[in-house]
Amino acid sequence: MIDSKETLKRYLEQDKLALGRQKDKKPRFYGDEIWKFEILLRKVEYYINCKSGFPASIVRKYYKFRFHNLSVKLGFSIPPNVFEEGLAIPHYGTIVVHANAKIGKNCRLQEGVNIGATSGSHDAATIGDNCFFGSGAKVVGAVKIASDVAVGAGAVVTKDITEPGTTWAGVPAKKISDNDSHSSMCADLFH
C-alpha cells in the first residue's frame, strides 16, 4: 500500500517497468491511456492514504475525477488500494476487480478479466505476487491464489490455487502444467 512519497515513486517506477516502458520518461500526449490510468490510480491511492486537510481534498477530488473518467473510457472498474506495485494492463477493455480483493506485486491482467465476490458476499480473492490472468479469466469468490500462477484465457477459478508456479485453465480451472507465469510477463521484472 502506498504510505509515503517514496512508496508512490517506487510504485510508479515498478508499474512503468511492468508495462515495458522503462525507456520512456512519461506517457505520450496522445496514446498511452493505460499508463496514464495507472499513474492516476497511484496518485489517487497516495492522496487517499497519505494526505489530509482542505488543500489535499481538492487535489484528491481532481485526481478522482480524472481517474473516474479514464476508467469509464477504458472500461476498467479497478478501485484504489487493491494492487501492489507492478500492475500491467496491456490492452483496454472490460476489467472488473472487487474493492476487497488483495493482489500482490507484478500482476498482469488481459482484457475481460473479472476478480469478484459471489452470492452477495463482500469477500474477494487474495492473490500472490507475479500472477498472470489471460483474456476473459474469472476469479469468483474469496479464493486464494499462490504466487507465480498463470490463469489461462477463459478460465474460471472457484477454488484455492495453493501450488505456486503453475498454470491453470478450463471451467472450472484445473492445473494443466508446472509452468510459472514469468513467460507471460515483462522479463525485466525478474532481473
C-alpha atoms as a PDB file:
ATOM      1  CA  MET A   1       0.000   0.000   0.000  1.00  0.00           C
ATOM      2  CA  ILE A   2       1.252   3.483  -0.800  1.00  0.00           C
ATOM      3  CA  ASP A   3       2.110   5.170   2.504  1.00  0.00           C
ATOM      4  CA  SER A   4       4.663   7.824   1.521  1.00  0.00           C
ATOM      5  CA  LYS A   5       6.010   9.874  -1.381  1.00  0.00           C
ATOM      6  CA  GLU A   6       8.912   7.392  -1.713  1.00  0.00           C
ATOM      7  CA  THR A   7       6.498   4.455  -1.938  1.00  0.00           C
ATOM      8  CA  LEU A   8       4.489   6.331  -4.581  1.00  0.00           C
ATOM      9  CA  LYS A   9       7.658   6.810  -6.667  1.00  0.00           C
ATOM     10  CA  ARG A  10       8.547   3.110  -6.304  1.00  0.00           C
ATOM     11  CA  TYR A  11       5.046   2.027  -7.358  1.00  0.00           C
ATOM     12  CA  LEU A  12       5.110   4.329 -10.390  1.00  0.00           C
ATOM     13  CA  GLU A  13       8.539   3.017 -11.462  1.00  0.00           C
ATOM     14  CA  GLN A  14       7.539  -0.631 -10.990  1.00  0.00           C
ATOM     15  CA  ASP A  15       4.271  -0.114 -12.906  1.00  0.00           C
ATOM     16  CA  LYS A  16       6.240   1.507 -15.742  1.00  0.00           C
ATOM     17  CA  LEU A  17       8.642  -1.453 -15.770  1.00  0.00           C
ATOM     18  CA  ALA A  18       5.755  -3.966 -15.763  1.00  0.00           C
ATOM     19  CA  LEU A  19       4.252  -2.179 -18.770  1.00  0.00           C
ATOM     20  CA  GLY A  20       7.586  -2.484 -20.603  1.00  0.00           C
ATOM     21  CA  ARG A  21       8.020   1.302 -20.750  1.00  0.00           C
ATOM     22  CA  GLN A  22      11.293   1.608 -18.807  1.00  0.00           C
ATOM     23  CA  LYS A  23      12.960   3.639 -21.594  1.00  0.00           C
ATOM     24  CA  ASP A  24      10.199   6.277 -21.630  1.00  0.00           C
ATOM     25  CA  LYS A  25      10.226   9.160 -19.160  1.00  0.00           C
ATOM     26  CA  LYS A  26       6.496   9.853 -19.300  1.00  0.00           C
ATOM     27  CA  PRO A  27       3.396   8.888 -21.308  1.00  0.00           C
ATOM     28  CA  ARG A  28       2.987  10.403 -24.752  1.00  0.00           C
ATOM     29  CA  PHE A  29       0.479  13.232 -25.149  1.00  0.00           C
ATOM     30  CA  TYR A  30      -1.661  11.078 -27.449  1.00  0.00           C
ATOM     31  CA  GLY A  31      -1.947   7.404 -26.626  1.00  0.00           C
ATOM     32  CA  ASP A  32      -0.572   5.626 -23.568  1.00  0.00           C
ATOM     33  CA  GLU A  33      -4.001   5.835 -21.906  1.00  0.00           C
ATOM     34  CA  ILE A  34      -3.390   2.698 -19.857  1.00  0.00           C
ATOM     35  CA  TRP A  35      -0.140   4.072 -18.471  1.00  0.00           C
ATOM     36  CA  LYS A  36      -1.941   7.352 -17.685  1.00  0.00           C
ATOM     37  CA  PHE A  37      -4.680   5.327 -15.945  1.00  0.00           C
ATOM     38  CA  GLU A  38      -2.116   3.545 -13.767  1.00  0.00           C
ATOM     39  CA  ILE A  39      -0.436   6.843 -12.846  1.00  0.00           C
ATOM     40  CA  LEU A  40      -3.811   8.299 -11.835  1.00  0.00           C
ATOM     41  CA  LEU A  41      -4.615   5.135  -9.838  1.00  0.00           C
ATOM     42  CA  ARG A  42      -1.393   5.536  -7.865  1.00  0.00           C
ATOM     43  CA  LYS A  43      -1.927   9.273  -7.298  1.00  0.00           C
ATOM     44  CA  VAL A  44      -5.472   8.632  -6.041  1.00  0.00           C
ATOM     45  CA  GLU A  45      -4.092   5.970  -3.680  1.00  0.00           C
ATOM     46  CA  TYR A  46      -1.417   8.394  -2.444  1.00  0.00           C
ATOM     47  CA  TYR A  47      -3.935  11.168  -1.746  1.00  0.00           C
ATOM     48  CA  ILE A  48      -6.370   8.768  -0.047  1.00  0.00           C
ATOM     49  CA  ASN A  49      -3.689   7.161   2.149  1.00  0.00           C
ATOM     50  CA  CYS A  50      -1.257   9.997   2.861  1.00  0.00           C
ATOM     51  CA  LYS A  51      -2.833  13.414   2.530  1.00  0.00           C
ATOM     52  CA  SER A  52      -5.494  15.133   4.597  1.00  0.00           C
ATOM     53  CA  GLY A  53      -6.763  18.670   5.023  1.00  0.00           C
ATOM     54  CA  PHE A  54      -8.604  21.046   2.750  1.00  0.00           C
ATOM     55  CA  PRO A  55      -5.938  21.644   0.039  1.00  0.00           C
ATOM     56  CA  ALA A  56      -5.300  17.896  -0.269  1.00  0.00           C
ATOM     57  CA  SER A  57      -9.033  17.205  -0.527  1.00  0.00           C
ATOM     58  CA  ILE A  58      -9.251  19.488  -3.582  1.00  0.00           C
ATOM     59  CA  VAL A  59      -6.318  17.718  -5.262  1.00  0.00           C
ATOM     60  CA  ARG A  60      -7.744  14.306  -4.303  1.00  0.00           C
ATOM     61  CA  LYS A  61     -11.111  15.189  -5.875  1.00  0.00           C
ATOM     62  CA  TYR A  62      -9.353  16.383  -9.027  1.00  0.00           C
ATOM     63  CA  TYR A  63      -7.406  13.122  -9.381  1.00  0.00           C
ATOM     64  CA  LYS A  64     -10.507  11.031  -8.562  1.00  0.00           C
ATOM     65  CA  PHE A  65     -12.476  12.882 -11.264  1.00  0.00           C
ATOM     66  CA  ARG A  66      -9.778  12.285 -13.902  1.00  0.00           C
ATOM     67  CA  PHE A  67      -9.338   8.669 -12.734  1.00  0.00           C
ATOM     68  CA  HIS A  68     -13.083   8.000 -12.971  1.00  0.00           C
ATOM     69  CA  ASN A  69     -13.358   9.474 -16.467  1.00  0.00           C
ATOM     70  CA  LEU A  70     -10.400   7.481 -17.775  1.00  0.00           C
ATOM     71  CA  SER A  71     -11.728   4.304 -16.079  1.00  0.00           C
ATOM     72  CA  VAL A  72     -15.039   4.673 -17.918  1.00  0.00           C
ATOM     73  CA  LYS A  73     -13.280   5.421 -21.217  1.00  0.00           C
ATOM     74  CA  LEU A  74     -11.057   2.330 -20.954  1.00  0.00           C
ATOM     75  CA  GLY A  75     -13.702   0.001 -19.477  1.00  0.00           C
ATOM     76  CA  PHE A  76     -11.831  -0.569 -16.202  1.00  0.00           C
ATOM     77  CA  SER A  77     -13.522  -0.956 -12.839  1.00  0.00           C
ATOM     78  CA  ILE A  78     -10.419  -1.073 -10.656  1.00  0.00           C
ATOM     79  CA  PRO A  79     -10.671   0.508  -7.197  1.00  0.00           C
ATOM     80  CA  PRO A  80      -7.741   2.066  -5.321  1.00  0.00           C
ATOM     81  CA  ASN A  81      -5.617   0.090  -2.845  1.00  0.00           C
ATOM     82  CA  VAL A  82      -6.163  -3.350  -4.373  1.00  0.00           C
ATOM     83  CA  PHE A  83      -2.941  -3.913  -6.362  1.00  0.00           C
ATOM     84  CA  GLU A  84       0.612  -3.799  -5.078  1.00  0.00           C
ATOM     85  CA  GLU A  85       3.338  -2.363  -7.319  1.00  0.00           C
ATOM     86  CA  GLY A  86       3.967  -3.703 -10.825  1.00  0.00           C
ATOM     87  CA  LEU A  87       0.439  -3.682 -12.260  1.00  0.00           C
ATOM     88  CA  ALA A  88       0.416  -4.331 -16.025  1.00  0.00           C
ATOM     89  CA  ILE A  89      -2.643  -3.988 -18.236  1.00  0.00           C
ATOM     90  CA  PRO A  90      -1.583  -4.490 -21.871  1.00  0.00           C
ATOM     91  CA  HIS A  91      -4.958  -3.774 -23.541  1.00  0.00           C
ATOM     92  CA  TYR A  92      -8.016  -1.740 -22.737  1.00  0.00           C
ATOM     93  CA  GLY A  93     -11.358  -3.495 -22.484  1.00  0.00           C
ATOM     94  CA  THR A  94     -13.619  -4.513 -19.645  1.00  0.00           C
ATOM     95  CA  ILE A  95     -11.738  -5.388 -16.458  1.00  0.00           C
ATOM     96  CA  VAL A  96     -13.614  -5.629 -13.152  1.00  0.00           C
ATOM     97  CA  VAL A  97     -11.915  -6.036  -9.767  1.00  0.00           C
ATOM     98  CA  HIS A  98     -13.740  -6.134  -6.424  1.00  0.00           C
ATOM     99  CA  ALA A  99     -12.690  -3.464  -3.909  1.00  0.00           C
ATOM    100  CA  ASN A 100     -11.959  -6.110  -1.234  1.00  0.00           C
ATOM    101  CA  ALA A 101      -9.552  -8.121  -3.392  1.00  0.00           C
ATOM    102  CA  LYS A 102      -5.904  -8.090  -2.311  1.00  0.00           C
ATOM    103  CA  ILE A 103      -3.455  -8.600  -5.155  1.00  0.00           C
ATOM    104  CA  GLY A 104       0.330  -8.861  -4.853  1.00  0.00           C
ATOM    105  CA  LYS A 105       3.208  -7.430  -6.849  1.00  0.00           C
ATOM    106  CA  ASN A 106       3.611  -7.738 -10.617  1.00  0.00           C
ATOM    107  CA  CYS A 107       0.107  -8.727 -11.661  1.00  0.00           C
ATOM    108  CA  ARG A 108      -0.721  -8.757 -15.385  1.00  0.00           C
ATOM    109  CA  LEU A 109      -4.374  -8.573 -16.465  1.00  0.00           C
ATOM    110  CA  GLN A 110      -5.553  -9.120 -20.026  1.00  0.00           C
ATOM    111  CA  GLU A 111      -8.900  -7.742 -21.217  1.00  0.00           C
ATOM    112  CA  GLY A 112     -12.120  -9.283 -19.939  1.00  0.00           C
ATOM    113  CA  VAL A 113     -10.712 -10.300 -16.540  1.00  0.00           C
ATOM    114  CA  ASN A 114     -13.118 -10.311 -13.596  1.00  0.00           C
ATOM    115  CA  ILE A 115     -11.948 -10.730  -9.995  1.00  0.00           C
ATOM    116  CA  GLY A 116     -15.088 -10.565  -7.891  1.00  0.00           C
ATOM    117  CA  ALA A 117     -17.148 -11.714  -4.946  1.00  0.00           C
ATOM    118  CA  THR A 118     -20.126 -14.057  -5.156  1.00  0.00           C
ATOM    119  CA  SER A 119     -23.535 -14.769  -3.591  1.00  0.00           C
ATOM    120  CA  GLY A 120     -23.880 -11.339  -2.016  1.00  0.00           C
ATOM    121  CA  SER A 121     -20.642 -11.744  -0.065  1.00  0.00           C
ATOM    122  CA  HIS A 122     -18.120  -8.942   0.233  1.00  0.00           C
ATOM    123  CA  ASP A 123     -15.195 -11.361   0.476  1.00  0.00           C
ATOM    124  CA  ALA A 124     -12.962 -11.386  -2.592  1.00  0.00           C
ATOM    125  CA  ALA A 125      -9.761 -13.061  -3.759  1.00  0.00           C
ATOM    126  CA  THR A 126      -6.317 -12.870  -2.220  1.00  0.00           C
ATOM    127  CA  ILE A 127      -3.721 -13.242  -4.960  1.00  0.00           C
ATOM    128  CA  GLY A 128       0.049 -13.634  -4.604  1.00  0.00           C
ATOM    129  CA  ASP A 129       2.918 -11.994  -6.483  1.00  0.00           C
ATOM    130  CA  ASN A 130       3.770 -12.421 -10.185  1.00  0.00           C
ATOM    131  CA  CYS A 131       0.370 -13.675 -11.327  1.00  0.00           C
ATOM    132  CA  PHE A 132      -0.937 -13.571 -14.899  1.00  0.00           C
ATOM    133  CA  PHE A 133      -4.606 -13.634 -15.951  1.00  0.00           C
ATOM    134  CA  GLY A 134      -5.394 -14.376 -19.609  1.00  0.00           C
ATOM    135  CA  SER A 135      -8.208 -12.836 -21.651  1.00  0.00           C
ATOM    136  CA  GLY A 136     -11.605 -13.415 -20.065  1.00  0.00           C
ATOM    137  CA  ALA A 137     -10.268 -15.164 -16.947  1.00  0.00           C
ATOM    138  CA  LYS A 138     -12.606 -15.068 -13.946  1.00  0.00           C
ATOM    139  CA  VAL A 139     -11.821 -15.419 -10.243  1.00  0.00           C
ATOM    140  CA  VAL A 140     -15.023 -15.965  -8.278  1.00  0.00           C
ATOM    141  CA  GLY A 141     -15.306 -15.546  -4.514  1.00  0.00           C
ATOM    142  CA  ALA A 142     -12.841 -15.437  -1.652  1.00  0.00           C
ATOM    143  CA  VAL A 143     -10.320 -17.814  -3.185  1.00  0.00           C
ATOM    144  CA  LYS A 144      -6.583 -17.715  -2.512  1.00  0.00           C
ATOM    145  CA  ILE A 145      -4.118 -17.908  -5.402  1.00  0.00           C
ATOM    146  CA  ALA A 146      -0.428 -18.621  -4.767  1.00  0.00           C
ATOM    147  CA  SER A 147       2.420 -16.603  -6.297  1.00  0.00           C
ATOM    148  CA  ASP A 148       3.763 -17.164  -9.841  1.00  0.00           C
ATOM    149  CA  VAL A 149       0.469 -18.624 -11.095  1.00  0.00           C
ATOM    150  CA  ALA A 150      -0.820 -18.232 -14.659  1.00  0.00           C
ATOM    151  CA  VAL A 151      -4.569 -18.444 -15.246  1.00  0.00           C
ATOM    152  CA  GLY A 152      -5.392 -19.148 -18.883  1.00  0.00           C
ATOM    153  CA  ALA A 153      -7.820 -17.354 -21.167  1.00  0.00           C
ATOM    154  CA  GLY A 154     -11.454 -18.007 -20.292  1.00  0.00           C
ATOM    155  CA  ALA A 155     -10.611 -19.970 -17.139  1.00  0.00           C
ATOM    156  CA  VAL A 156     -12.920 -19.735 -14.121  1.00  0.00           C
ATOM    157  CA  VAL A 157     -11.211 -20.066 -10.734  1.00  0.00           C
ATOM    158  CA  THR A 158     -13.660 -21.076  -7.994  1.00  0.00           C
ATOM    159  CA  LYS A 159     -11.301 -22.893  -5.581  1.00  0.00           C
ATOM    160  CA  ASP A 160      -7.967 -22.045  -3.962  1.00  0.00           C
ATOM    161  CA  ILE A 161      -4.802 -22.479  -6.023  1.00  0.00           C
ATOM    162  CA  THR A 162      -2.183 -23.313  -3.410  1.00  0.00           C
ATOM    163  CA  GLU A 163       0.578 -24.610  -5.673  1.00  0.00           C
ATOM    164  CA  PRO A 164       2.921 -21.757  -6.739  1.00  0.00           C
ATOM    165  CA  GLY A 165       4.494 -21.675 -10.186  1.00  0.00           C
ATOM    166  CA  THR A 166       1.698 -23.483 -12.022  1.00  0.00           C
ATOM    167  CA  THR A 167      -0.669 -22.854 -14.934  1.00  0.00           C
ATOM    168  CA  TRP A 168      -4.440 -23.315 -14.709  1.00  0.00           C
ATOM    169  CA  ALA A 169      -7.137 -23.361 -17.388  1.00  0.00           C
ATOM    170  CA  GLY A 170     -10.687 -24.507 -18.042  1.00  0.00           C
ATOM    171  CA  VAL A 171     -14.107 -24.183 -16.451  1.00  0.00           C
ATOM    172  CA  PRO A 172     -13.727 -24.769 -13.573  1.00  0.00           C
ATOM    173  CA  ALA A 173      -9.961 -24.112 -13.624  1.00  0.00           C
ATOM    174  CA  LYS A 174      -7.704 -27.157 -13.346  1.00  0.00           C
ATOM    175  CA  LYS A 175      -3.938 -27.414 -13.272  1.00  0.00           C
ATOM    176  CA  ILE A 176      -2.569 -28.003 -16.765  1.00  0.00           C
ATOM    177  CA  SER A 177       1.188 -27.572 -16.235  1.00  0.00           C
ATOM    178  CA  ASP A 178       4.017 -26.750 -13.857  1.00  0.00           C
ATOM    179  CA  ASN A 179       4.986 -23.681 -15.903  1.00  0.00           C
ATOM    180  CA  ASP A 180       5.008 -20.427 -13.949  1.00  0.00           C
ATOM    181  CA  SER A 181       3.665 -17.064 -15.064  1.00  0.00           C
ATOM    182  CA  HIS A 182       7.028 -15.427 -15.856  1.00  0.00           C
ATOM    183  CA  SER A 183       6.987 -16.080 -19.624  1.00  0.00           C
ATOM    184  CA  SER A 184       3.746 -14.064 -19.875  1.00  0.00           C
ATOM    185  CA  MET A 185       5.157 -11.028 -18.107  1.00  0.00           C
ATOM    186  CA  CYS A 186       7.812  -8.379 -18.761  1.00  0.00           C
ATOM    187  CA  ALA A 187      11.191 -10.132 -18.394  1.00  0.00           C
ATOM    188  CA  ASP A 188      12.744  -7.046 -16.754  1.00  0.00           C
ATOM    189  CA  LEU A 189      10.630  -7.669 -13.645  1.00  0.00           C
ATOM    190  CA  PHE A 190      12.745 -10.722 -12.832  1.00  0.00           C
ATOM    191  CA  HIS A 191      16.266  -9.267 -13.120  1.00  0.00           C
END
